[in-house]
């Protein structure tokens, strides 16, 4: 790859990273660091169907890991739009951070390639 192509690639990656960073910074609403899961339960009442292996549910629970412990909280059947939106914002934020880290690694590798190319130019 030529020096010009390396510079162009770095510029494109930096631009993509800037867009992702701006998207992360523009998420000004509340984010919730958790997930919604669906759980099935047993009630253990006398002649209930769950005694025969048919569980009750699914029931929506909010789950989060804090200090290595998984915490689950029943959130009920009513859908809280703000909670769902805050979960989506957090997921977008985290996905953008992963993408930014990958881009940073790619830019780092491109700079290494650029330096190798320039050393060859100086020596050659």
Foldseek 3Di string as FASTA:
>chain_A
DDLVVLVVLLVVLVVVLVVLVVLLVPPPDAADQWDKDWDWADPPDDPDVVVVVDTDDRFIWTWDADPNDIDIHGDGPDDDVVNVVNHVSVVSNVVSVVSSVVSVVVNVVSVVVSVVVVVVVVVD
